[in-house]
Amino acid sequence: MSLVKVSIKKNFRNARMSKQLPFGVARGLTKTVKGAQSEILSTLPREFTVRGSWLKPSNKFGIKIKPATKQNLTAEVGTNADWLKLHETGGTKKPSGSNIAIPTANVKRTKREIIRRTQRPNALRGKRDVILKTSKGAVLFQRKFKGKRSKLVPLYNLEPRARIRQNSTVQKPALRFIRRNLVKNISESLNDAMKNAK
């Protein structure tokens, strides 16, 4: 999980202030993580090819926030999209099996740029599919027929590991937004809260 938390410790002694300050701070924190959420949502499509609508807040792996409350002055923004985790830190991706299948331009995709189920590595185990060792490593080929003629088409390069460069699309943009806006958002929310104090 990629997650950013922002919190403030409570220490409100004045009775009048003790009612309004937690409310104002919670609003400021929540406003800040909502802004950070928008920053992440605009950053991701610029850095990666986003296929589908998984990043929408309403989806399972979407960019979500957890608002602060008067009782808990901590707000959060993040995602459960585990495939982004290694991009946040950089490092080596290891396969769950023997190899990582890296698609070539020959792999067919849907209109939404998602690899068709019949073209995914696990589906390619028929008689027409073969793994050959080339000078650049192992490659998964599929035999394509055109009339009586056929040719081998490379679909996936098979790599024992892949180096993932660091490219933070969650923590970095979120922290950048929070640093720029946290004090201002809390200050404005506190002013509004104190104006409404009774």
C-alpha atoms as a PDB file:
ATOM      1  CA  MET A   1       0.000   0.000   0.000  1.00  0.00           C
ATOM      2  CA  SER A   2       1.189   3.515  -0.851  1.00  0.00           C
ATOM      3  CA  LEU A   3      -0.006   5.833   1.876  1.00  0.00           C
ATOM      4  CA  VAL A   4       0.628   9.371   3.130  1.00  0.00           C
ATOM      5  CA  LYS A   5      -0.543  10.453   6.596  1.00  0.00           C
ATOM      6  CA  VAL A   6      -0.732  13.952   8.007  1.00  0.00           C
ATOM      7  CA  SER A   7      -1.641  14.537  11.648  1.00  0.00           C
ATOM      8  CA  ILE A   8      -1.526  17.087  14.466  1.00  0.00           C
ATOM      9  CA  LYS A   9      -1.331  16.422  18.193  1.00  0.00           C
ATOM     10  CA  LYS A  10      -4.074  17.931  20.341  1.00  0.00           C
ATOM     11  CA  ASN A  11      -3.266  20.335  23.154  1.00  0.00           C
ATOM     12  CA  PHE A  12      -6.247  22.667  23.490  1.00  0.00           C
ATOM     13  CA  ARG A  13      -6.614  24.225  26.954  1.00  0.00           C
ATOM     14  CA  ASN A  14      -8.969  27.166  26.426  1.00  0.00           C
ATOM     15  CA  ALA A  15     -12.583  25.945  26.845  1.00  0.00           C
ATOM     16  CA  ARG A  16     -13.960  28.009  23.946  1.00  0.00           C
ATOM     17  CA  MET A  17     -11.058  27.074  21.731  1.00  0.00           C
ATOM     18  CA  SER A  18     -11.190  23.416  22.716  1.00  0.00           C
ATOM     19  CA  LYS A  19     -14.573  23.088  21.017  1.00  0.00           C
ATOM     20  CA  GLN A  20     -13.705  24.786  17.751  1.00  0.00           C
ATOM     21  CA  LEU A  21     -10.014  24.093  17.244  1.00  0.00           C
ATOM     22  CA  PRO A  22     -10.265  20.313  16.744  1.00  0.00           C
ATOM     23  CA  PHE A  23     -13.103  20.883  14.277  1.00  0.00           C
ATOM     24  CA  GLY A  24     -11.120  23.509  12.351  1.00  0.00           C
ATOM     25  CA  VAL A  25      -7.925  21.451  12.315  1.00  0.00           C
ATOM     26  CA  ALA A  26      -9.814  18.337  11.143  1.00  0.00           C
ATOM     27  CA  ARG A  27     -11.379  20.317   8.303  1.00  0.00           C
ATOM     28  CA  GLY A  28      -8.000  21.730   7.299  1.00  0.00           C
ATOM     29  CA  LEU A  29      -6.353  18.301   7.325  1.00  0.00           C
ATOM     30  CA  THR A  30      -9.174  16.764   5.307  1.00  0.00           C
ATOM     31  CA  LYS A  31      -9.129  19.601   2.776  1.00  0.00           C
ATOM     32  CA  THR A  32      -5.388  19.082   2.381  1.00  0.00           C
ATOM     33  CA  VAL A  33      -5.545  15.344   1.679  1.00  0.00           C
ATOM     34  CA  LYS A  34      -8.412  15.928  -0.773  1.00  0.00           C
ATOM     35  CA  GLY A  35      -6.137  18.324  -2.635  1.00  0.00           C
ATOM     36  CA  ALA A  36      -3.312  15.766  -2.475  1.00  0.00           C
ATOM     37  CA  GLN A  37      -5.716  13.175  -3.887  1.00  0.00           C
ATOM     38  CA  SER A  38      -6.446  15.443  -6.871  1.00  0.00           C
ATOM     39  CA  GLU A  39      -2.704  15.995  -7.350  1.00  0.00           C
ATOM     40  CA  ILE A  40      -2.089  12.231  -7.482  1.00  0.00           C
ATOM     41  CA  LEU A  41      -4.996  11.694  -9.904  1.00  0.00           C
ATOM     42  CA  SER A  42      -3.577  14.287 -12.293  1.00  0.00           C
ATOM     43  CA  THR A  43       0.025  13.001 -11.937  1.00  0.00           C
ATOM     44  CA  LEU A  44      -0.578   9.292 -12.593  1.00  0.00           C
ATOM     45  CA  PRO A  45      -1.821   9.553 -16.214  1.00  0.00           C
ATOM     46  CA  ARG A  46       1.113  11.824 -17.082  1.00  0.00           C
ATOM     47  CA  GLU A  47       3.676   9.320 -15.769  1.00  0.00           C
ATOM     48  CA  PHE A  48       2.107   5.972 -16.748  1.00  0.00           C
ATOM     49  CA  THR A  49      -0.255   4.587 -19.342  1.00  0.00           C
ATOM     50  CA  VAL A  50      -3.359   4.114 -17.185  1.00  0.00           C
ATOM     51  CA  ARG A  51      -5.523   1.303 -18.495  1.00  0.00           C
ATOM     52  CA  GLY A  52      -9.069   1.203 -17.217  1.00  0.00           C
ATOM     53  CA  SER A  53     -10.516   3.286 -14.393  1.00  0.00           C
ATOM     54  CA  TRP A  54      -8.894   1.530 -11.428  1.00  0.00           C
ATOM     55  CA  LEU A  55      -7.502   4.824 -10.004  1.00  0.00           C
ATOM     56  CA  LYS A  56     -10.957   6.381  -9.452  1.00  0.00           C
ATOM     57  CA  PRO A  57     -11.680   6.793  -5.711  1.00  0.00           C
ATOM     58  CA  SER A  58     -14.815   4.636  -5.988  1.00  0.00           C
ATOM     59  CA  ASN A  59     -12.846   1.599  -7.178  1.00  0.00           C
ATOM     60  CA  LYS A  60     -11.081  -1.041  -5.055  1.00  0.00           C
ATOM     61  CA  PHE A  61      -7.567   0.128  -5.965  1.00  0.00           C
ATOM     62  CA  GLY A  62      -8.494   3.785  -6.394  1.00  0.00           C
ATOM     63  CA  ILE A  63      -6.804   6.817  -4.848  1.00  0.00           C
ATOM     64  CA  LYS A  64      -8.756   7.180  -1.606  1.00  0.00           C
ATOM     65  CA  ILE A  65      -8.708   9.474   1.390  1.00  0.00           C
ATOM     66  CA  LYS A  66      -9.512   8.939   5.053  1.00  0.00           C
ATOM     67  CA  PRO A  67     -10.752  12.232   6.537  1.00  0.00           C
ATOM     68  CA  ALA A  68      -9.663  13.554   9.917  1.00  0.00           C
ATOM     69  CA  THR A  69     -12.195  13.906  12.739  1.00  0.00           C
ATOM     70  CA  LYS A  70     -12.319  15.993  15.913  1.00  0.00           C
ATOM     71  CA  GLN A  71     -11.413  12.858  17.851  1.00  0.00           C
ATOM     72  CA  ASN A  72      -8.639  11.737  15.473  1.00  0.00           C
ATOM     73  CA  LEU A  73      -6.638  14.563  13.899  1.00  0.00           C
ATOM     74  CA  THR A  74      -5.055  12.353  11.252  1.00  0.00           C
ATOM     75  CA  ALA A  75      -5.978  12.361   7.567  1.00  0.00           C
ATOM     76  CA  GLU A  76      -4.698   9.903   4.975  1.00  0.00           C
ATOM     77  CA  VAL A  77      -4.424   9.606   1.200  1.00  0.00           C
ATOM     78  CA  GLY A  78      -3.240   6.492  -0.603  1.00  0.00           C
ATOM     79  CA  THR A  79      -4.005   3.438  -2.694  1.00  0.00           C
ATOM     80  CA  ASN A  80      -4.072  -0.350  -2.396  1.00  0.00           C
ATOM     81  CA  ALA A  81      -2.681  -0.692  -5.931  1.00  0.00           C
ATOM     82  CA  ASP A  82       0.211  -2.979  -5.009  1.00  0.00           C
ATOM     83  CA  TRP A  83       1.773  -2.709  -8.489  1.00  0.00           C
ATOM     84  CA  LEU A  84       2.666   0.933  -7.736  1.00  0.00           C
ATOM     85  CA  LYS A  85       4.638   0.064  -4.601  1.00  0.00           C
ATOM     86  CA  LEU A  86       7.911  -0.752  -6.372  1.00  0.00           C
ATOM     87  CA  HIS A  87       7.637   2.394  -8.496  1.00  0.00           C
ATOM     88  CA  GLU A  88       7.525   4.462  -5.301  1.00  0.00           C
ATOM     89  CA  THR A  89      10.893   3.155  -4.085  1.00  0.00           C
ATOM     90  CA  GLY A  90      12.548   1.716  -7.173  1.00  0.00           C
ATOM     91  CA  GLY A  91      14.121  -1.731  -7.109  1.00  0.00           C
ATOM     92  CA  THR A  92      14.113  -5.160  -8.722  1.00  0.00           C
ATOM     93  CA  LYS A  93      10.868  -6.875  -9.655  1.00  0.00           C
ATOM     94  CA  LYS A  94      11.045 -10.637  -9.247  1.00  0.00           C
ATOM     95  CA  PRO A  95       8.624 -13.043 -10.939  1.00  0.00           C
ATOM     96  CA  SER A  96       6.042 -15.079  -9.061  1.00  0.00           C
ATOM     97  CA  GLY A  97       6.997 -17.950 -11.393  1.00  0.00           C
ATOM     98  CA  SER A  98      10.178 -18.429 -13.383  1.00  0.00           C
ATOM     99  CA  ASN A  99       9.997 -15.306 -15.574  1.00  0.00           C
ATOM    100  CA  ILE A 100       8.387 -11.898 -15.987  1.00  0.00           C
ATOM    101  CA  ALA A 101       6.494 -11.661 -19.282  1.00  0.00           C
ATOM    102  CA  ILE A 102       7.082  -8.261 -20.901  1.00  0.00           C
ATOM    103  CA  PRO A 103       4.646  -7.689 -23.805  1.00  0.00           C
ATOM    104  CA  THR A 104       5.857  -6.698 -27.260  1.00  0.00           C
ATOM    105  CA  ALA A 105       4.001  -4.441 -29.710  1.00  0.00           C
ATOM    106  CA  ASN A 106       2.445  -7.600 -31.238  1.00  0.00           C
ATOM    107  CA  VAL A 107       0.237  -8.263 -28.202  1.00  0.00           C
ATOM    108  CA  LYS A 108      -3.360  -7.329 -29.003  1.00  0.00           C
ATOM    109  CA  ARG A 109      -5.196  -4.967 -26.694  1.00  0.00           C
ATOM    110  CA  THR A 110      -8.778  -3.799 -26.278  1.00  0.00           C
ATOM    111  CA  LYS A 111      -9.971  -0.261 -27.023  1.00  0.00           C
ATOM    112  CA  ARG A 112      -9.145   0.573 -23.406  1.00  0.00           C
ATOM    113  CA  GLU A 113      -5.549  -0.602 -23.983  1.00  0.00           C
ATOM    114  CA  ILE A 114      -6.011  -3.715 -21.822  1.00  0.00           C
ATOM    115  CA  ILE A 115      -4.357  -6.947 -23.010  1.00  0.00           C
ATOM    116  CA  ARG A 116      -6.977  -9.345 -24.334  1.00  0.00           C
ATOM    117  CA  ARG A 117      -7.504 -12.434 -22.173  1.00  0.00           C
ATOM    118  CA  THR A 118      -6.575 -14.736 -25.054  1.00  0.00           C
ATOM    119  CA  GLN A 119      -3.270 -12.873 -25.421  1.00  0.00           C
ATOM    120  CA  ARG A 120      -2.230 -13.044 -21.765  1.00  0.00           C
ATOM    121  CA  PRO A 121       0.753 -15.311 -20.952  1.00  0.00           C
ATOM    122  CA  ASN A 122      -1.289 -17.837 -18.957  1.00  0.00           C
ATOM    123  CA  ALA A 123      -3.634 -18.328 -21.933  1.00  0.00           C
ATOM    124  CA  LEU A 124      -0.781 -18.999 -24.371  1.00  0.00           C
ATOM    125  CA  ARG A 125      -0.113 -22.688 -23.817  1.00  0.00           C
ATOM    126  CA  GLY A 126      -1.374 -24.174 -27.071  1.00  0.00           C
ATOM    127  CA  LYS A 127       0.412 -26.019 -29.843  1.00  0.00           C
ATOM    128  CA  ARG A 128       1.005 -22.756 -31.703  1.00  0.00           C
ATOM    129  CA  ASP A 129       2.870 -21.187 -28.769  1.00  0.00           C
ATOM    130  CA  VAL A 130       6.551 -21.815 -28.231  1.00  0.00           C
ATOM    131  CA  ILE A 131       9.370 -20.392 -26.109  1.00  0.00           C
ATOM    132  CA  LEU A 132      12.642 -19.916 -27.954  1.00  0.00           C
ATOM    133  CA  LYS A 133      15.994 -18.742 -26.682  1.00  0.00           C
ATOM    134  CA  THR A 134      17.340 -15.833 -28.699  1.00  0.00           C
ATOM    135  CA  SER A 135      20.495 -13.738 -28.457  1.00  0.00           C
ATOM    136  CA  LYS A 136      18.482 -11.296 -26.303  1.00  0.00           C
ATOM    137  CA  GLY A 137      17.016 -13.963 -24.026  1.00  0.00           C
ATOM    138  CA  ALA A 138      13.923 -16.176 -23.959  1.00  0.00           C
ATOM    139  CA  VAL A 139      10.934 -15.079 -26.042  1.00  0.00           C
ATOM    140  CA  LEU A 140       7.394 -16.461 -26.169  1.00  0.00           C
ATOM    141  CA  PHE A 141       6.310 -16.781 -29.822  1.00  0.00           C
ATOM    142  CA  GLN A 142       2.967 -17.634 -31.373  1.00  0.00           C
ATOM    143  CA  ARG A 143       2.641 -19.225 -34.803  1.00  0.00           C
ATOM    144  CA  LYS A 144       0.311 -17.185 -37.034  1.00  0.00           C
ATOM    145  CA  PHE A 145      -1.223 -18.742 -40.133  1.00  0.00           C
ATOM    146  CA  LYS A 146      -2.130 -17.016 -43.374  1.00  0.00           C
ATOM    147  CA  GLY A 147      -3.408 -19.592 -45.802  1.00  0.00           C
ATOM    148  CA  LYS A 148      -0.824 -22.365 -46.011  1.00  0.00           C
ATOM    149  CA  ARG A 149       1.957 -20.107 -44.837  1.00  0.00           C
ATOM    150  CA  SER A 150       2.834 -19.426 -41.229  1.00  0.00           C
ATOM    151  CA  LYS A 151       5.272 -17.300 -39.274  1.00  0.00           C
ATOM    152  CA  LEU A 152       6.391 -16.988 -35.685  1.00  0.00           C
ATOM    153  CA  VAL A 153       5.373 -13.734 -34.017  1.00  0.00           C
ATOM    154  CA  PRO A 154       7.124 -12.645 -30.773  1.00  0.00           C
ATOM    155  CA  LEU A 155       4.561 -11.794 -28.089  1.00  0.00           C
ATOM    156  CA  TYR A 156       6.508 -11.652 -24.809  1.00  0.00           C
ATOM    157  CA  ASN A 157      10.112 -11.225 -23.778  1.00  0.00           C
ATOM    158  CA  LEU A 158      10.714 -13.466 -20.770  1.00  0.00           C
ATOM    159  CA  GLU A 159      12.971 -11.919 -18.169  1.00  0.00           C
ATOM    160  CA  PRO A 160      14.199 -13.475 -14.885  1.00  0.00           C
ATOM    161  CA  ARG A 161      13.884 -10.046 -13.247  1.00  0.00           C
ATOM    162  CA  ALA A 162      13.184  -6.441 -14.180  1.00  0.00           C
ATOM    163  CA  ARG A 163      14.727  -3.256 -12.872  1.00  0.00           C
ATOM    164  CA  ILE A 164      12.079  -0.710 -11.901  1.00  0.00           C
ATOM    165  CA  ARG A 165      13.290   2.874 -11.680  1.00  0.00           C
ATOM    166  CA  GLN A 166      11.922   5.062  -8.903  1.00  0.00           C
ATOM    167  CA  ASN A 167       9.002   7.124 -10.130  1.00  0.00           C
ATOM    168  CA  SER A 168       6.784   8.146  -7.235  1.00  0.00           C
ATOM    169  CA  THR A 169       3.263   8.949  -8.401  1.00  0.00           C
ATOM    170  CA  VAL A 170       1.603   8.768  -4.968  1.00  0.00           C
ATOM    171  CA  GLN A 171       3.881   9.881  -2.148  1.00  0.00           C
ATOM    172  CA  LYS A 172       5.914  12.518  -3.969  1.00  0.00           C
ATOM    173  CA  PRO A 173       2.995  14.523  -5.456  1.00  0.00           C
ATOM    174  CA  ALA A 174       1.000  14.124  -2.223  1.00  0.00           C
ATOM    175  CA  LEU A 175       3.844  15.402  -0.042  1.00  0.00           C
ATOM    176  CA  ARG A 176       4.531  18.243  -2.477  1.00  0.00           C
ATOM    177  CA  PHE A 177       0.906  19.396  -2.250  1.00  0.00           C
ATOM    178  CA  ILE A 178       0.764  18.956   1.538  1.00  0.00           C
ATOM    179  CA  ARG A 179       3.909  21.032   2.105  1.00  0.00           C
ATOM    180  CA  ARG A 180       2.522  23.861  -0.033  1.00  0.00           C
ATOM    181  CA  ASN A 181      -0.999  23.893   1.351  1.00  0.00           C
ATOM    182  CA  LEU A 182      -1.220  22.404   4.851  1.00  0.00           C
ATOM    183  CA  VAL A 183      -0.590  25.565   6.892  1.00  0.00           C
ATOM    184  CA  LYS A 184      -2.854  27.674   4.668  1.00  0.00           C
ATOM    185  CA  ASN A 185      -5.703  25.144   4.735  1.00  0.00           C
ATOM    186  CA  ILE A 186      -5.579  24.706   8.511  1.00  0.00           C
ATOM    187  CA  SER A 187      -5.333  28.464   9.060  1.00  0.00           C
ATOM    188  CA  GLU A 188      -8.371  29.135   6.853  1.00  0.00           C
ATOM    189  CA  SER A 189     -10.380  26.333   8.470  1.00  0.00           C
ATOM    190  CA  LEU A 190      -9.464  27.548  11.957  1.00  0.00           C
ATOM    191  CA  ASN A 191     -10.537  31.105  11.095  1.00  0.00           C
ATOM    192  CA  ASP A 192     -13.874  29.815   9.824  1.00  0.00           C
ATOM    193  CA  ALA A 193     -14.313  27.660  12.925  1.00  0.00           C
ATOM    194  CA  MET A 194     -13.563  30.551  15.295  1.00  0.00           C
ATOM    195  CA  LYS A 195     -16.020  32.839  13.471  1.00  0.00           C
ATOM    196  CA  ASN A 196     -18.730  30.264  14.132  1.00  0.00           C
ATOM    197  CA  ALA A 197     -17.734  29.758  17.779  1.00  0.00           C
ATOM    198  CA  LYS A 198     -20.495  30.372  20.305  1.00  0.00           C
END
